Amino acid sequence: MGTIRIVKVNDRGLRIGEDHQHATHTDAEIELARQLHADGMSYKKLAEKFEVSKSTIAGWIKYRRRGQHVSDWRRIDVPESVNSSEELRRE
């Protein structure tokens, strides 16, 4: 039996941000990257720090990626195998 989680969804009811099923970085990490860029860090250095491509960094900074707003919250049932892999990924 899985556990119930509350996740953020957009206006179409799709999971967004760190709650998206394919997210590899937390919302806090994305905000940190945006702040570091505002403080003068280059896309190249950010890409190295977060282990992603420069184009991914550009997408985060320009809000093309991870720029949606929360419209609602939804309950989902997460199987145990997903829970343990998410915990490992976040450590």
Protein backbone atom coordinates (compact mmCIF):
# COMPACT_ATOMS: atom_id res chain seq x y z
CA MET A 1 0.00 0.00 0.00
CA GLY A 2 1.29 3.44 -0.91
CA THR A 3 1.05 6.73 0.88
CA ILE A 4 -1.07 9.76 0.12
CA ARG A 5 0.73 12.96 -0.91
CA ILE A 6 -0.61 16.42 -1.63
CA VAL A 7 0.90 17.84 -4.83
CA LYS A 8 0.79 21.16 -6.68
CA VAL A 9 -1.10 21.25 -9.98
CA ASN A 10 -1.53 23.86 -12.72
CA ASP A 11 -4.83 25.09 -14.19
CA ARG A 12 -5.09 21.93 -16.32
CA GLY A 13 -4.69 19.69 -13.28
CA LEU A 14 -1.16 18.56 -14.18
CA ARG A 15 1.54 18.16 -11.51
CA ILE A 16 4.12 20.95 -11.54
CA GLY A 17 7.45 21.90 -9.97
CA GLU A 18 9.15 19.41 -7.69
CA ASP A 19 5.88 17.46 -7.50
CA HIS A 20 6.08 16.62 -11.22
CA GLN A 21 6.83 12.94 -11.67
CA HIS A 22 9.98 13.63 -13.73
CA ALA A 23 11.40 16.51 -11.64
CA THR A 24 15.05 16.04 -10.71
CA HIS A 25 15.56 19.27 -8.74
CA THR A 26 13.57 20.79 -5.91
CA ASP A 27 11.79 24.12 -6.14
CA ALA A 28 14.32 25.46 -3.62
CA GLU A 29 17.21 24.50 -5.92
CA ILE A 30 15.57 26.26 -8.86
CA GLU A 31 15.09 29.40 -6.76
CA LEU A 32 18.70 29.18 -5.58
CA ALA A 33 19.88 29.02 -9.20
CA ARG A 34 17.77 32.10 -10.04
CA GLN A 35 19.18 33.99 -7.05
CA LEU A 36 22.78 33.02 -7.85
CA HIS A 37 22.29 34.22 -11.42
CA ALA A 38 20.82 37.50 -10.16
CA ASP A 39 23.95 37.83 -8.02
CA GLY A 40 26.14 37.44 -11.10
CA MET A 41 26.88 33.72 -11.53
CA SER A 42 27.11 32.64 -15.19
CA TYR A 43 24.96 29.99 -16.86
CA LYS A 44 28.09 27.86 -17.31
CA LYS A 45 28.97 27.87 -13.60
CA LEU A 46 25.33 27.25 -12.64
CA ALA A 47 25.15 24.33 -15.07
CA GLU A 48 28.25 22.80 -13.50
CA LYS A 49 26.93 23.37 -9.96
CA PHE A 50 23.50 21.82 -10.63
CA GLU A 51 24.80 19.20 -13.09
CA VAL A 52 22.48 20.20 -15.94
CA SER A 53 22.99 21.81 -19.35
CA LYS A 54 23.32 25.55 -19.89
CA SER A 55 20.05 25.48 -21.85
CA THR A 56 18.26 23.97 -18.84
CA ILE A 57 19.68 26.76 -16.66
CA ALA A 58 18.52 29.34 -19.21
CA GLY A 59 15.04 27.81 -19.11
CA TRP A 60 14.92 28.06 -15.32
CA ILE A 61 16.21 31.64 -15.25
CA LYS A 62 13.87 32.85 -18.02
CA TYR A 63 10.91 30.94 -16.50
CA ARG A 64 10.44 28.79 -19.62
CA ARG A 65 10.91 25.81 -17.31
CA ARG A 66 9.55 25.60 -13.80
CA GLY A 67 7.67 28.88 -14.17
CA GLN A 68 4.07 27.77 -13.73
CA HIS A 69 1.84 28.95 -10.92
CA VAL A 70 -0.02 26.68 -8.54
CA SER A 71 -3.74 26.65 -9.34
CA ASP A 72 -4.79 23.91 -6.95
CA TRP A 73 -3.62 20.99 -4.85
CA ARG A 74 -4.39 17.33 -5.49
CA ARG A 75 -4.08 14.14 -3.46
CA ILE A 76 -2.22 11.28 -5.10
CA ASP A 77 -1.45 7.74 -4.00
CA VAL A 78 2.29 7.09 -4.29
CA PRO A 79 3.42 3.43 -4.36
CA GLU A 80 6.09 2.47 -1.81
CA SER A 81 8.75 1.89 -4.48
CA VAL A 82 8.36 5.49 -5.69
CA ASN A 83 8.55 6.86 -2.14
CA SER A 84 11.88 5.17 -1.46
CA SER A 85 13.40 6.24 -4.80
CA GLU A 86 12.32 9.86 -4.21
CA GLU A 87 13.93 9.83 -0.77
CA LEU A 88 17.19 8.50 -2.23
CA ARG A 89 17.15 11.14 -4.99
CA ARG A 90 16.66 14.02 -2.54
CA GLU A 91 19.54 12.93 -0.25
